[in-house]
Amino acid sequence: MSIAEILPSVISLPHADKFRLVQLLLEQLAKEDGIALQSPPDPQPFNPRQFFGVAHSSRQEVDAYLADMREGWQ
């Protein structure tokens, strides 16, 4: 099968399937060339406590800055 025969089918694929196709092709090429692939590290589980108060502290800093600026105008 030639690229010209495959290309119309590939063009009609959704983006996610195109990315998966590229991934599969790269894995196949690496296997044929004897290249060991590294699997991506497992993602850290989401911990919302890590982000609690992050936006609040910057808001407090902005409010303090604005309050200081207002005092200078009075």
PDB file of N, CA and C in Angstrom:
ATOM      1  N   MET A   1       0.851  -1.166   0.000  1.00  0.00           N
ATOM      2  CA  MET A   1       0.000   0.000   0.000  1.00  0.00           C
ATOM      3  C   MET A   1       0.901   1.235   0.000  1.00  0.00           C
ATOM      4  N   SER A   2       0.579   2.203  -0.816  1.00  0.00           N
ATOM      5  CA  SER A   2       1.407   3.405  -0.921  1.00  0.00           C
ATOM      6  C   SER A   2       0.842   4.529  -0.058  1.00  0.00           C
ATOM      7  N   ILE A   3       1.664   5.547   0.142  1.00  0.00           N
ATOM      8  CA  ILE A   3       1.237   6.710   0.921  1.00  0.00           C
ATOM      9  C   ILE A   3       0.065   7.399   0.233  1.00  0.00           C
ATOM     10  N   ALA A   4       0.089   7.458  -1.097  1.00  0.00           N
ATOM     11  CA  ALA A   4      -0.995   8.099  -1.838  1.00  0.00           C
ATOM     12  C   ALA A   4      -2.330   7.394  -1.593  1.00  0.00           C
ATOM     13  N   GLU A   5      -2.294   6.090  -1.367  1.00  0.00           N
ATOM     14  CA  GLU A   5      -3.526   5.344  -1.099  1.00  0.00           C
ATOM     15  C   GLU A   5      -4.007   5.550   0.342  1.00  0.00           C
ATOM     16  N   ILE A   6      -3.068   5.724   1.260  1.00  0.00           N
ATOM     17  CA  ILE A   6      -3.410   5.862   2.678  1.00  0.00           C
ATOM     18  C   ILE A   6      -3.807   7.291   3.032  1.00  0.00           C
ATOM     19  N   LEU A   7      -3.210   8.266   2.377  1.00  0.00           N
ATOM     20  CA  LEU A   7      -3.371   9.669   2.745  1.00  0.00           C
ATOM     21  C   LEU A   7      -4.829  10.138   2.826  1.00  0.00           C
ATOM     22  N   PRO A   8      -5.704   9.812   1.886  1.00  0.00           N
ATOM     23  CA  PRO A   8      -7.099  10.262   2.019  1.00  0.00           C
ATOM     24  C   PRO A   8      -7.768   9.755   3.301  1.00  0.00           C
ATOM     25  N   SER A   9      -7.451   8.536   3.701  1.00  0.00           N
ATOM     26  CA  SER A   9      -8.017   7.998   4.942  1.00  0.00           C
ATOM     27  C   SER A   9      -7.465   8.723   6.155  1.00  0.00           C
ATOM     28  N   VAL A  10      -6.169   9.042   6.121  1.00  0.00           N
ATOM     29  CA  VAL A  10      -5.539   9.732   7.245  1.00  0.00           C
ATOM     30  C   VAL A  10      -6.095  11.146   7.368  1.00  0.00           C
ATOM     31  N   ILE A  11      -6.298  11.814   6.253  1.00  0.00           N
ATOM     32  CA  ILE A  11      -6.811  13.186   6.265  1.00  0.00           C
ATOM     33  C   ILE A  11      -8.195  13.244   6.903  1.00  0.00           C
ATOM     34  N   SER A  12      -8.993  12.221   6.711  1.00  0.00           N
ATOM     35  CA  SER A  12     -10.357  12.231   7.245  1.00  0.00           C
ATOM     36  C   SER A  12     -10.424  11.881   8.736  1.00  0.00           C
ATOM     37  N   LEU A  13      -9.317  11.463   9.335  1.00  0.00           N
ATOM     38  CA  LEU A  13      -9.313  11.109  10.758  1.00  0.00           C
ATOM     39  C   LEU A  13      -9.451  12.345  11.638  1.00  0.00           C
ATOM     40  N   PRO A  14     -10.056  12.200  12.816  1.00  0.00           N
ATOM     41  CA  PRO A  14     -10.060  13.307  13.780  1.00  0.00           C
ATOM     42  C   PRO A  14      -8.642  13.537  14.315  1.00  0.00           C
ATOM     43  N   HIS A  15      -8.418  14.716  14.900  1.00  0.00           N
ATOM     44  CA  HIS A  15      -7.079  15.073  15.377  1.00  0.00           C
ATOM     45  C   HIS A  15      -6.525  14.052  16.364  1.00  0.00           C
ATOM     46  N   ALA A  16      -7.344  13.593  17.288  1.00  0.00           N
ATOM     47  CA  ALA A  16      -6.877  12.645  18.300  1.00  0.00           C
ATOM     48  C   ALA A  16      -6.381  11.357  17.650  1.00  0.00           C
ATOM     49  N   ASP A  17      -7.087  10.890  16.641  1.00  0.00           N
ATOM     50  CA  ASP A  17      -6.671   9.672  15.951  1.00  0.00           C
ATOM     51  C   ASP A  17      -5.397   9.895  15.143  1.00  0.00           C
ATOM     52  N   LYS A  18      -5.238  11.087  14.584  1.00  0.00           N
ATOM     53  CA  LYS A  18      -4.002  11.395  13.857  1.00  0.00           C
ATOM     54  C   LYS A  18      -2.805  11.372  14.798  1.00  0.00           C
ATOM     55  N   PHE A  19      -2.973  11.951  15.999  1.00  0.00           N
ATOM     56  CA  PHE A  19      -1.883  11.916  16.970  1.00  0.00           C
ATOM     57  C   PHE A  19      -1.561  10.480  17.379  1.00  0.00           C
ATOM     58  N   ARG A  20      -2.593   9.681  17.578  1.00  0.00           N
ATOM     59  CA  ARG A  20      -2.377   8.275  17.948  1.00  0.00           C
ATOM     60  C   ARG A  20      -1.669   7.537  16.820  1.00  0.00           C
ATOM     61  N   LEU A  21      -2.029   7.817  15.577  1.00  0.00           N
ATOM     62  CA  LEU A  21      -1.379   7.191  14.429  1.00  0.00           C
ATOM     63  C   LEU A  21       0.099   7.550  14.380  1.00  0.00           C
ATOM     64  N   VAL A  22       0.412   8.820  14.591  1.00  0.00           N
ATOM     65  CA  VAL A  22       1.811   9.254  14.599  1.00  0.00           C
ATOM     66  C   VAL A  22       2.565   8.555  15.721  1.00  0.00           C
ATOM     67  N   GLN A  23       1.939   8.451  16.886  1.00  0.00           N
ATOM     68  CA  GLN A  23       2.578   7.781  18.019  1.00  0.00           C
ATOM     69  C   GLN A  23       2.874   6.320  17.679  1.00  0.00           C
ATOM     70  N   LEU A  24       1.911   5.644  17.089  1.00  0.00           N
ATOM     71  CA  LEU A  24       2.114   4.247  16.718  1.00  0.00           C
ATOM     72  C   LEU A  24       3.221   4.094  15.679  1.00  0.00           C
ATOM     73  N   LEU A  25       3.252   5.004  14.701  1.00  0.00           N
ATOM     74  CA  LEU A  25       4.297   4.942  13.680  1.00  0.00           C
ATOM     75  C   LEU A  25       5.681   5.163  14.280  1.00  0.00           C
ATOM     76  N   LEU A  26       5.794   6.122  15.183  1.00  0.00           N
ATOM     77  CA  LEU A  26       7.085   6.381  15.820  1.00  0.00           C
ATOM     78  C   LEU A  26       7.527   5.205  16.686  1.00  0.00           C
ATOM     79  N   GLU A  27       6.587   4.588  17.388  1.00  0.00           N
ATOM     80  CA  GLU A  27       6.923   3.411  18.185  1.00  0.00           C
ATOM     81  C   GLU A  27       7.401   2.274  17.289  1.00  0.00           C
ATOM     82  N   GLN A  28       6.742   2.084  16.155  1.00  0.00           N
ATOM     83  CA  GLN A  28       7.134   1.030  15.219  1.00  0.00           C
ATOM     84  C   GLN A  28       8.526   1.300  14.652  1.00  0.00           C
ATOM     85  N   LEU A  29       8.801   2.548  14.273  1.00  0.00           N
ATOM     86  CA  LEU A  29      10.127   2.897  13.755  1.00  0.00           C
ATOM     87  C   LEU A  29      11.204   2.688  14.810  1.00  0.00           C
ATOM     88  N   ALA A  30      10.922   3.064  16.032  1.00  0.00           N
ATOM     89  CA  ALA A  30      11.894   2.880  17.113  1.00  0.00           C
ATOM     90  C   ALA A  30      12.154   1.397  17.348  1.00  0.00           C
ATOM     91  N   LYS A  31      11.098   0.593  17.310  1.00  0.00           N
ATOM     92  CA  LYS A  31      11.260  -0.847  17.507  1.00  0.00           C
ATOM     93  C   LYS A  31      12.113  -1.448  16.392  1.00  0.00           C
ATOM     94  N   GLU A  32      11.867  -1.033  15.145  1.00  0.00           N
ATOM     95  CA  GLU A  32      12.637  -1.544  14.014  1.00  0.00           C
ATOM     96  C   GLU A  32      14.107  -1.148  14.100  1.00  0.00           C
ATOM     97  N   ASP A  33      14.382   0.043  14.637  1.00  0.00           N
ATOM     98  CA  ASP A  33      15.762   0.510  14.762  1.00  0.00           C
ATOM     99  C   ASP A  33      16.417   0.064  16.063  1.00  0.00           C
ATOM    100  N   GLY A  34      15.683  -0.654  16.900  1.00  0.00           N
ATOM    101  CA  GLY A  34      16.240  -1.142  18.153  1.00  0.00           C
ATOM    102  C   GLY A  34      16.437  -0.067  19.202  1.00  0.00           C
ATOM    103  N   ILE A  35      15.635   0.977  19.142  1.00  0.00           N
ATOM    104  CA  ILE A  35      15.730   2.072  20.110  1.00  0.00           C
ATOM    105  C   ILE A  35      14.750   1.793  21.244  1.00  0.00           C
ATOM    106  N   ALA A  36      15.277   1.817  22.468  1.00  0.00           N
ATOM    107  CA  ALA A  36      14.413   1.609  23.633  1.00  0.00           C
ATOM    108  C   ALA A  36      13.679   2.907  23.942  1.00  0.00           C
ATOM    109  N   LEU A  37      12.378   2.824  24.027  1.00  0.00           N
ATOM    110  CA  LEU A  37      11.575   4.003  24.329  1.00  0.00           C
ATOM    111  C   LEU A  37      11.368   4.120  25.830  1.00  0.00           C
ATOM    112  N   GLN A  38      11.399   5.358  26.302  1.00  0.00           N
ATOM    113  CA  GLN A  38      11.123   5.613  27.709  1.00  0.00           C
ATOM    114  C   GLN A  38       9.645   5.937  27.845  1.00  0.00           C
ATOM    115  N   SER A  39       9.011   5.279  28.778  1.00  0.00           N
ATOM    116  CA  SER A  39       7.604   5.604  29.009  1.00  0.00           C
ATOM    117  C   SER A  39       7.536   6.860  29.867  1.00  0.00           C
ATOM    118  N   PRO A  40       6.532   7.690  29.641  1.00  0.00           N
ATOM    119  CA  PRO A  40       6.427   8.924  30.427  1.00  0.00           C
ATOM    120  C   PRO A  40       6.183   8.590  31.896  1.00  0.00           C
ATOM    121  N   PRO A  41       6.671   9.435  32.797  1.00  0.00           N
ATOM    122  CA  PRO A  41       6.443   9.165  34.222  1.00  0.00           C
ATOM    123  C   PRO A  41       4.958   9.276  34.562  1.00  0.00           C
ATOM    124  N   ASP A  42       4.566   8.528  35.564  1.00  0.00           N
ATOM    125  CA  ASP A  42       3.173   8.594  36.007  1.00  0.00           C
ATOM    126  C   ASP A  42       2.897   9.979  36.572  1.00  0.00           C
ATOM    127  N   PRO A  43       1.789  10.579  36.183  1.00  0.00           N
ATOM    128  CA  PRO A  43       1.482  11.921  36.694  1.00  0.00           C
ATOM    129  C   PRO A  43       1.170  11.871  38.186  1.00  0.00           C
ATOM    130  N   GLN A  44       1.486  12.960  38.859  1.00  0.00           N
ATOM    131  CA  GLN A  44       1.169  13.070  40.277  1.00  0.00           C
ATOM    132  C   GLN A  44      -0.347  13.190  40.418  1.00  0.00           C
ATOM    133  N   PRO A  45      -0.929  12.545  41.426  1.00  0.00           N
ATOM    134  CA  PRO A  45      -2.372  12.732  41.623  1.00  0.00           C
ATOM    135  C   PRO A  45      -2.658  14.184  41.999  1.00  0.00           C
ATOM    136  N   PHE A  46      -3.782  14.681  41.532  1.00  0.00           N
ATOM    137  CA  PHE A  46      -4.133  16.074  41.789  1.00  0.00           C
ATOM    138  C   PHE A  46      -4.441  16.267  43.262  1.00  0.00           C
ATOM    139  N   ASN A  47      -3.807  17.261  43.857  1.00  0.00           N
ATOM    140  CA  ASN A  47      -4.028  17.593  45.259  1.00  0.00           C
ATOM    141  C   ASN A  47      -4.477  19.047  45.329  1.00  0.00           C
ATOM    142  N   PRO A  48      -5.777  19.301  45.520  1.00  0.00           N
ATOM    143  CA  PRO A  48      -6.253  20.687  45.530  1.00  0.00           C
ATOM    144  C   PRO A  48      -5.696  21.496  46.692  1.00  0.00           C
ATOM    145  N   ARG A  49      -5.286  20.841  47.773  1.00  0.00           N
ATOM    146  CA  ARG A  49      -4.732  21.564  48.920  1.00  0.00           C
ATOM    147  C   ARG A  49      -3.441  22.281  48.552  1.00  0.00           C
ATOM    148  N   GLN A  50      -2.743  21.761  47.559  1.00  0.00           N
ATOM    149  CA  GLN A  50      -1.498  22.386  47.110  1.00  0.00           C
ATOM    150  C   GLN A  50      -1.764  23.783  46.550  1.00  0.00           C
ATOM    151  N   PHE A  51      -2.945  24.003  46.004  1.00  0.00           N
ATOM    152  CA  PHE A  51      -3.266  25.265  45.357  1.00  0.00           C
ATOM    153  C   PHE A  51      -4.185  26.157  46.187  1.00  0.00           C
ATOM    154  N   PHE A  52      -4.600  25.694  47.346  1.00  0.00           N
ATOM    155  CA  PHE A  52      -5.531  26.461  48.162  1.00  0.00           C
ATOM    156  C   PHE A  52      -4.885  27.763  48.612  1.00  0.00           C
ATOM    157  N   GLY A  53      -5.549  28.861  48.355  1.00  0.00           N
ATOM    158  CA  GLY A  53      -5.067  30.158  48.800  1.00  0.00           C
ATOM    159  C   GLY A  53      -4.083  30.829  47.868  1.00  0.00           C
ATOM    160  N   VAL A  54      -3.689  30.202  46.786  1.00  0.00           N
ATOM    161  CA  VAL A  54      -2.709  30.802  45.885  1.00  0.00           C
ATOM    162  C   VAL A  54      -3.259  32.078  45.271  1.00  0.00           C
ATOM    163  N   ALA A  55      -4.451  32.011  44.727  1.00  0.00           N
ATOM    164  CA  ALA A  55      -5.044  33.202  44.117  1.00  0.00           C
ATOM    165  C   ALA A  55      -5.434  34.215  45.182  1.00  0.00           C
ATOM    166  N   HIS A  56      -5.824  33.727  46.344  1.00  0.00           N
ATOM    167  CA  HIS A  56      -6.257  34.623  47.419  1.00  0.00           C
ATOM    168  C   HIS A  56      -5.107  35.504  47.898  1.00  0.00           C
ATOM    169  N   SER A  57      -3.915  34.942  48.003  1.00  0.00           N
ATOM    170  CA  SER A  57      -2.791  35.742  48.504  1.00  0.00           C
ATOM    171  C   SER A  57      -2.425  36.848  47.520  1.00  0.00           C
ATOM    172  N   SER A  58      -2.455  36.557  46.232  1.00  0.00           N
ATOM    173  CA  SER A  58      -2.129  37.606  45.269  1.00  0.00           C
ATOM    174  C   SER A  58      -3.218  38.687  45.272  1.00  0.00           C
ATOM    175  N   ARG A  59      -4.443  38.311  45.493  1.00  0.00           N
ATOM    176  CA  ARG A  59      -5.535  39.282  45.576  1.00  0.00           C
ATOM    177  C   ARG A  59      -5.326  40.187  46.787  1.00  0.00           C
ATOM    178  N   GLN A  60      -4.877  39.611  47.887  1.00  0.00           N
ATOM    179  CA  GLN A  60      -4.604  40.400  49.087  1.00  0.00           C
ATOM    180  C   GLN A  60      -3.487  41.405  48.828  1.00  0.00           C
ATOM    181  N   GLU A  61      -2.468  40.982  48.104  1.00  0.00           N
ATOM    182  CA  GLU A  61      -1.368  41.892  47.790  1.00  0.00           C
ATOM    183  C   GLU A  61      -1.846  43.054  46.927  1.00  0.00           C
ATOM    184  N   VAL A  62      -2.691  42.765  45.954  1.00  0.00           N
ATOM    185  CA  VAL A  62      -3.227  43.819  45.090  1.00  0.00           C
ATOM    186  C   VAL A  62      -4.093  44.769  45.906  1.00  0.00           C
ATOM    187  N   ASP A  63      -4.937  44.223  46.775  1.00  0.00           N
ATOM    188  CA  ASP A  63      -5.787  45.073  47.615  1.00  0.00           C
ATOM    189  C   ASP A  63      -4.950  45.962  48.530  1.00  0.00           C
ATOM    190  N   ALA A  64      -3.883  45.414  49.095  1.00  0.00           N
ATOM    191  CA  ALA A  64      -3.011  46.208  49.970  1.00  0.00           C
ATOM    192  C   ALA A  64      -2.325  47.316  49.176  1.00  0.00           C
ATOM    193  N   TYR A  65      -1.891  47.008  47.974  1.00  0.00           N
ATOM    194  CA  TYR A  65      -1.250  48.010  47.122  1.00  0.00           C
ATOM    195  C   TYR A  65      -2.233  49.138  46.799  1.00  0.00           C
ATOM    196  N   LEU A  66      -3.447  48.782  46.421  1.00  0.00           N
ATOM    197  CA  LEU A  66      -4.448  49.796  46.090  1.00  0.00           C
ATOM    198  C   LEU A  66      -4.799  50.643  47.310  1.00  0.00           C
ATOM    199  N   ALA A  67      -4.886  50.016  48.474  1.00  0.00           N
ATOM    200  CA  ALA A  67      -5.180  50.767  49.696  1.00  0.00           C
ATOM    201  C   ALA A  67      -4.058  51.753  49.992  1.00  0.00           C
ATOM    202  N   ASP A  68      -2.807  51.343  49.813  1.00  0.00           N
ATOM    203  CA  ASP A  68      -1.672  52.250  50.031  1.00  0.00           C
ATOM    204  C   ASP A  68      -1.713  53.414  49.049  1.00  0.00           C
ATOM    205  N   MET A  69      -2.077  53.137  47.820  1.00  0.00           N
ATOM    206  CA  MET A  69      -2.130  54.195  46.813  1.00  0.00           C
ATOM    207  C   MET A  69      -3.253  55.189  47.128  1.00  0.00           C
ATOM    208  N   ARG A  70      -4.382  54.701  47.627  1.00  0.00           N
ATOM    209  CA  ARG A  70      -5.502  55.580  47.971  1.00  0.00           C
ATOM    210  C   ARG A  70      -5.129  56.503  49.124  1.00  0.00           C
ATOM    211  N   GLU A  71      -4.377  55.982  50.074  1.00  0.00           N
ATOM    212  CA  GLU A  71      -3.975  56.799  51.220  1.00  0.00           C
ATOM    213  C   GLU A  71      -3.114  57.974  50.776  1.00  0.00           C
ATOM    214  N   GLY A  72      -2.316  57.779  49.755  1.00  0.00           N
ATOM    215  CA  GLY A  72      -1.463  58.846  49.246  1.00  0.00           C
ATOM    216  C   GLY A  72      -2.245  59.968  48.596  1.00  0.00           C
ATOM    217  N   TRP A  73      -3.466  59.697  48.120  1.00  0.00           N
ATOM    218  CA  TRP A  73      -4.283  60.709  47.450  1.00  0.00           C
ATOM    219  C   TRP A  73      -5.138  61.504  48.424  1.00  0.00           C
ATOM    220  N   GLN A  74      -5.223  61.079  49.646  1.00  0.00           N
ATOM    221  CA  GLN A  74      -6.111  61.759  50.605  1.00  0.00           C
ATOM    222  C   GLN A  74      -5.388  62.832  51.360  1.00  0.00           C
TER     223      GLN A  74
END
